[in-house]
N, C-alpha and C. Protein backbone atom coordinates (compact mmCIF):
# COMPACT_ATOMS: atom_id res chain seq x y z
N ALA A 1 12.21 11.01 10.58
CA ALA A 1 11.34 9.85 10.68
C ALA A 1 12.22 8.60 10.79
N LYS A 2 12.03 7.87 11.85
CA LYS A 2 12.78 6.63 12.02
C LYS A 2 11.90 5.39 11.89
N LYS A 3 10.58 5.60 11.84
CA LYS A 3 9.64 4.49 11.66
C LYS A 3 8.59 4.94 10.65
N TRP A 4 8.11 4.02 9.82
CA TRP A 4 7.09 4.38 8.84
C TRP A 4 6.35 3.14 8.37
N ILE A 5 5.30 3.39 7.61
CA ILE A 5 4.52 2.32 6.98
C ILE A 5 4.90 2.30 5.50
N ASN A 6 5.46 1.19 5.06
CA ASN A 6 5.76 0.99 3.65
C ASN A 6 4.47 0.45 3.02
N ILE A 7 3.77 1.30 2.27
CA ILE A 7 2.49 0.92 1.70
C ILE A 7 2.64 -0.26 0.74
N ARG A 8 3.74 -0.32 0.00
CA ARG A 8 3.93 -1.45 -0.92
C ARG A 8 3.92 -2.78 -0.16
N LYS A 9 4.64 -2.82 0.96
CA LYS A 9 4.67 -4.05 1.77
C LYS A 9 3.30 -4.35 2.35
N SER A 10 2.66 -3.33 2.90
CA SER A 10 1.35 -3.53 3.50
C SER A 10 0.34 -4.00 2.46
N TYR A 11 0.35 -3.39 1.29
CA TYR A 11 -0.55 -3.76 0.20
C TYR A 11 -0.33 -5.22 -0.20
N GLY A 12 0.93 -5.58 -0.44
CA GLY A 12 1.25 -6.95 -0.85
C GLY A 12 0.83 -7.98 0.19
N ASN A 13 1.07 -7.69 1.46
CA ASN A 13 0.69 -8.62 2.53
C ASN A 13 -0.82 -8.70 2.70
N PHE A 14 -1.49 -7.55 2.65
CA PHE A 14 -2.93 -7.52 2.89
C PHE A 14 -3.72 -8.18 1.77
N TYR A 15 -3.38 -7.85 0.53
CA TYR A 15 -4.12 -8.39 -0.61
C TYR A 15 -3.51 -9.68 -1.15
N LYS A 16 -2.42 -10.13 -0.52
CA LYS A 16 -1.78 -11.39 -0.90
C LYS A 16 -1.36 -11.39 -2.37
N VAL A 17 -0.61 -10.35 -2.76
CA VAL A 17 -0.12 -10.26 -4.13
C VAL A 17 1.41 -10.22 -4.10
N PRO A 18 2.05 -10.70 -5.17
CA PRO A 18 3.52 -10.70 -5.22
C PRO A 18 4.07 -9.29 -5.35
N ARG A 19 5.33 -9.14 -5.01
CA ARG A 19 5.99 -7.82 -5.02
C ARG A 19 5.89 -7.13 -6.37
N ASN A 20 5.90 -7.90 -7.47
CA ASN A 20 5.83 -7.25 -8.79
C ASN A 20 4.45 -6.64 -9.06
N GLN A 21 3.51 -6.85 -8.15
CA GLN A 21 2.17 -6.26 -8.27
C GLN A 21 2.01 -5.06 -7.32
N THR A 22 3.13 -4.55 -6.79
CA THR A 22 3.04 -3.45 -5.82
C THR A 22 3.64 -2.15 -6.33
N LYS A 23 3.75 -2.01 -7.64
CA LYS A 23 4.14 -0.72 -8.20
C LYS A 23 2.93 0.20 -8.10
N LEU A 24 3.17 1.48 -7.92
CA LEU A 24 2.11 2.44 -7.67
C LEU A 24 0.99 2.35 -8.70
N THR A 25 1.33 2.39 -9.98
CA THR A 25 0.28 2.36 -11.01
C THR A 25 -0.48 1.04 -11.02
N ILE A 26 0.20 -0.06 -10.74
CA ILE A 26 -0.47 -1.37 -10.71
C ILE A 26 -1.40 -1.46 -9.51
N MET A 27 -0.95 -0.97 -8.35
CA MET A 27 -1.82 -1.00 -7.17
C MET A 27 -3.09 -0.20 -7.44
N LEU A 28 -2.95 0.99 -7.99
CA LEU A 28 -4.11 1.81 -8.31
C LEU A 28 -5.04 1.10 -9.29
N GLU A 29 -4.46 0.55 -10.34
CA GLU A 29 -5.25 -0.15 -11.35
C GLU A 29 -6.02 -1.32 -10.74
N ASN A 30 -5.36 -2.11 -9.90
CA ASN A 30 -6.01 -3.25 -9.27
C ASN A 30 -7.14 -2.84 -8.33
N LEU A 31 -7.07 -1.61 -7.83
CA LEU A 31 -8.12 -1.10 -6.95
C LEU A 31 -9.20 -0.34 -7.74
N GLY A 32 -9.06 -0.33 -9.06
CA GLY A 32 -10.05 0.33 -9.91
C GLY A 32 -9.90 1.84 -9.94
N MET A 33 -8.69 2.33 -9.66
CA MET A 33 -8.44 3.77 -9.63
C MET A 33 -7.47 4.14 -10.75
N ASN A 34 -7.55 5.39 -11.17
CA ASN A 34 -6.60 5.94 -12.13
C ASN A 34 -5.57 6.77 -11.39
N TYR A 35 -4.37 6.85 -11.96
CA TYR A 35 -3.35 7.73 -11.40
C TYR A 35 -3.82 9.16 -11.61
N GLU A 36 -3.75 9.98 -10.58
CA GLU A 36 -4.13 11.38 -10.68
C GLU A 36 -2.88 12.24 -10.60
N GLY A 37 -2.68 13.11 -11.58
CA GLY A 37 -1.55 14.02 -11.57
C GLY A 37 -0.45 13.61 -12.53
N ARG A 38 0.73 14.17 -12.31
CA ARG A 38 1.90 13.89 -13.14
C ARG A 38 2.70 12.75 -12.53
N PRO A 39 3.01 11.71 -13.32
CA PRO A 39 3.85 10.61 -12.80
C PRO A 39 5.19 11.13 -12.29
N HIS A 40 5.64 10.56 -11.22
CA HIS A 40 6.93 10.85 -10.58
C HIS A 40 7.00 12.24 -9.96
N SER A 41 5.86 12.90 -9.84
CA SER A 41 5.80 14.15 -9.07
C SER A 41 5.65 13.72 -7.62
N GLY A 42 6.53 14.19 -6.75
CA GLY A 42 6.48 13.77 -5.34
C GLY A 42 5.13 14.05 -4.71
N LEU A 43 4.55 15.21 -4.98
CA LEU A 43 3.25 15.56 -4.40
C LEU A 43 2.15 14.66 -4.96
N ASP A 44 2.13 14.47 -6.28
CA ASP A 44 1.09 13.63 -6.88
C ASP A 44 1.25 12.17 -6.48
N ASP A 45 2.50 11.67 -6.42
CA ASP A 45 2.71 10.29 -5.96
C ASP A 45 2.19 10.12 -4.54
N SER A 46 2.48 11.08 -3.66
CA SER A 46 2.05 10.95 -2.27
C SER A 46 0.53 11.00 -2.15
N LYS A 47 -0.13 11.82 -2.97
CA LYS A 47 -1.59 11.86 -2.95
C LYS A 47 -2.18 10.52 -3.40
N ASN A 48 -1.58 9.92 -4.42
CA ASN A 48 -2.07 8.62 -4.89
C ASN A 48 -1.80 7.52 -3.87
N ILE A 49 -0.66 7.58 -3.19
CA ILE A 49 -0.37 6.61 -2.13
C ILE A 49 -1.39 6.76 -1.00
N ALA A 50 -1.75 8.00 -0.68
CA ALA A 50 -2.76 8.23 0.36
C ALA A 50 -4.10 7.65 -0.06
N ARG A 51 -4.45 7.76 -1.33
CA ARG A 51 -5.71 7.17 -1.82
C ARG A 51 -5.69 5.64 -1.65
N ILE A 52 -4.53 5.03 -1.90
CA ILE A 52 -4.40 3.58 -1.71
C ILE A 52 -4.56 3.24 -0.23
N ALA A 53 -3.91 4.01 0.64
CA ALA A 53 -4.00 3.75 2.08
C ALA A 53 -5.44 3.87 2.57
N ILE A 54 -6.16 4.88 2.09
CA ILE A 54 -7.57 5.04 2.48
C ILE A 54 -8.38 3.83 2.04
N ARG A 55 -8.16 3.37 0.83
CA ARG A 55 -8.90 2.20 0.32
C ARG A 55 -8.57 0.96 1.15
N MET A 56 -7.29 0.80 1.52
CA MET A 56 -6.90 -0.36 2.32
C MET A 56 -7.60 -0.32 3.68
N LEU A 57 -7.66 0.86 4.29
CA LEU A 57 -8.37 1.00 5.57
C LEU A 57 -9.84 0.67 5.40
N GLN A 58 -10.46 1.12 4.31
CA GLN A 58 -11.86 0.80 4.04
C GLN A 58 -12.07 -0.69 3.86
N ASP A 59 -11.07 -1.38 3.30
CA ASP A 59 -11.16 -2.82 3.10
C ASP A 59 -10.82 -3.62 4.36
N GLY A 60 -10.49 -2.92 5.46
CA GLY A 60 -10.26 -3.60 6.72
C GLY A 60 -8.81 -3.80 7.11
N CYS A 61 -7.89 -3.21 6.39
CA CYS A 61 -6.47 -3.34 6.71
C CYS A 61 -6.15 -2.55 7.98
N ASP A 62 -5.35 -3.13 8.84
CA ASP A 62 -4.86 -2.45 10.03
C ASP A 62 -3.43 -2.02 9.72
N LEU A 63 -3.28 -0.81 9.18
CA LEU A 63 -1.95 -0.34 8.79
C LEU A 63 -1.09 -0.15 10.04
N ARG A 64 0.10 -0.73 10.00
CA ARG A 64 1.04 -0.65 11.11
C ARG A 64 2.43 -0.32 10.60
N VAL A 65 3.24 0.26 11.47
CA VAL A 65 4.64 0.51 11.13
C VAL A 65 5.26 -0.82 10.73
N ASN A 66 5.94 -0.83 9.56
CA ASN A 66 6.55 -2.08 9.11
C ASN A 66 8.01 -1.91 8.69
N GLU A 67 8.54 -0.69 8.81
CA GLU A 67 9.96 -0.47 8.54
C GLU A 67 10.48 0.60 9.49
N ARG A 68 11.81 0.52 9.76
CA ARG A 68 12.42 1.52 10.62
C ARG A 68 13.91 1.57 10.32
N ILE A 69 14.53 2.64 10.77
CA ILE A 69 15.99 2.78 10.67
C ILE A 69 16.55 2.55 12.07
N HIS A 70 17.53 1.68 12.16
CA HIS A 70 18.20 1.43 13.43
C HIS A 70 19.69 1.32 13.15
N GLY A 71 20.46 2.18 13.78
CA GLY A 71 21.91 2.17 13.56
C GLY A 71 22.28 2.41 12.11
N GLY A 72 21.48 3.21 11.42
CA GLY A 72 21.75 3.50 10.03
C GLY A 72 21.33 2.42 9.06
N GLN A 73 20.72 1.35 9.56
CA GLN A 73 20.31 0.24 8.72
C GLN A 73 18.79 0.18 8.62
N LEU A 74 18.28 -0.11 7.41
CA LEU A 74 16.86 -0.32 7.20
C LEU A 74 16.48 -1.67 7.78
N MET A 75 15.43 -1.69 8.61
CA MET A 75 15.00 -2.93 9.23
C MET A 75 13.50 -3.11 9.03
N THR A 76 13.10 -4.35 8.80
CA THR A 76 11.68 -4.67 8.73
C THR A 76 11.17 -4.85 10.14
N VAL A 77 10.00 -4.30 10.41
CA VAL A 77 9.36 -4.46 11.72
C VAL A 77 8.30 -5.52 11.55
N SER A 78 8.45 -6.62 12.25
CA SER A 78 7.45 -7.68 12.14
C SER A 78 6.42 -7.51 13.23
N SER A 79 5.22 -7.91 12.92
CA SER A 79 4.12 -7.84 13.88
C SER A 79 4.11 -9.14 14.67
N SER A 80 3.85 -9.03 15.95
CA SER A 80 3.79 -10.24 16.78
C SER A 80 2.47 -10.96 16.58
N VAL A 81 1.48 -10.26 16.05
CA VAL A 81 0.17 -10.87 15.81
C VAL A 81 -0.07 -10.88 14.31
N PRO A 82 -0.21 -12.06 13.71
CA PRO A 82 -0.45 -12.08 12.27
C PRO A 82 -1.80 -11.45 11.95
N LEU A 83 -1.82 -10.69 10.87
CA LEU A 83 -3.05 -10.05 10.43
C LEU A 83 -3.64 -10.84 9.28
N GLU A 84 -4.93 -10.98 9.29
CA GLU A 84 -5.59 -11.63 8.16
C GLU A 84 -5.72 -10.63 7.04
N GLY A 85 -5.48 -11.08 5.83
CA GLY A 85 -5.59 -10.21 4.68
C GLY A 85 -6.93 -10.34 4.01
N ALA A 86 -7.15 -9.48 3.08
CA ALA A 86 -8.36 -9.51 2.28
C ALA A 86 -8.02 -10.19 0.96
N PRO A 87 -9.03 -10.63 0.23
CA PRO A 87 -8.74 -11.18 -1.09
C PRO A 87 -8.17 -10.09 -1.99
N ALA A 88 -7.49 -10.50 -3.02
CA ALA A 88 -6.90 -9.54 -3.96
C ALA A 88 -8.00 -8.62 -4.49
N PRO A 89 -7.67 -7.34 -4.69
CA PRO A 89 -8.69 -6.42 -5.16
C PRO A 89 -9.18 -6.81 -6.55
N GLN A 90 -10.44 -6.58 -6.80
CA GLN A 90 -11.04 -6.90 -8.09
C GLN A 90 -11.41 -5.60 -8.78
N MET A 91 -11.29 -5.60 -10.08
CA MET A 91 -11.71 -4.42 -10.85
C MET A 91 -13.21 -4.26 -10.70
N PRO A 92 -13.67 -3.03 -10.46
CA PRO A 92 -15.11 -2.83 -10.37
C PRO A 92 -15.78 -3.11 -11.70
N ARG A 93 -17.02 -3.57 -11.66
CA ARG A 93 -17.74 -3.88 -12.89
C ARG A 93 -18.25 -2.62 -13.57
N TYR A 94 -18.41 -1.57 -12.80
CA TYR A 94 -18.87 -0.30 -13.35
C TYR A 94 -18.26 0.83 -12.53
N ARG A 95 -18.25 2.00 -13.08
CA ARG A 95 -17.71 3.15 -12.36
C ARG A 95 -18.82 4.15 -12.12
N ASN A 96 -18.74 4.81 -10.97
CA ASN A 96 -19.73 5.83 -10.64
C ASN A 96 -19.36 7.15 -11.24
């Protein structure tokens, strides 16, 4: 893989939150979700990241490649068209 979507970057840009609010457990909490599985398990972390991505898509985020490797160096991929973000996620008032 030479190109990918860094969900932390996408989350921070879309919901307009600082980088210290883009840790996996904090992102889930801010979206009203609980961490599912064992912390730091690669499979469980990836499932939780997928849940965040699904929620972002539901909230109107246009997920795009935002990082790549070029010449062995990590590079940020900037979009030529600025995307409008959504307001920061709010905790739900009740759970189903």
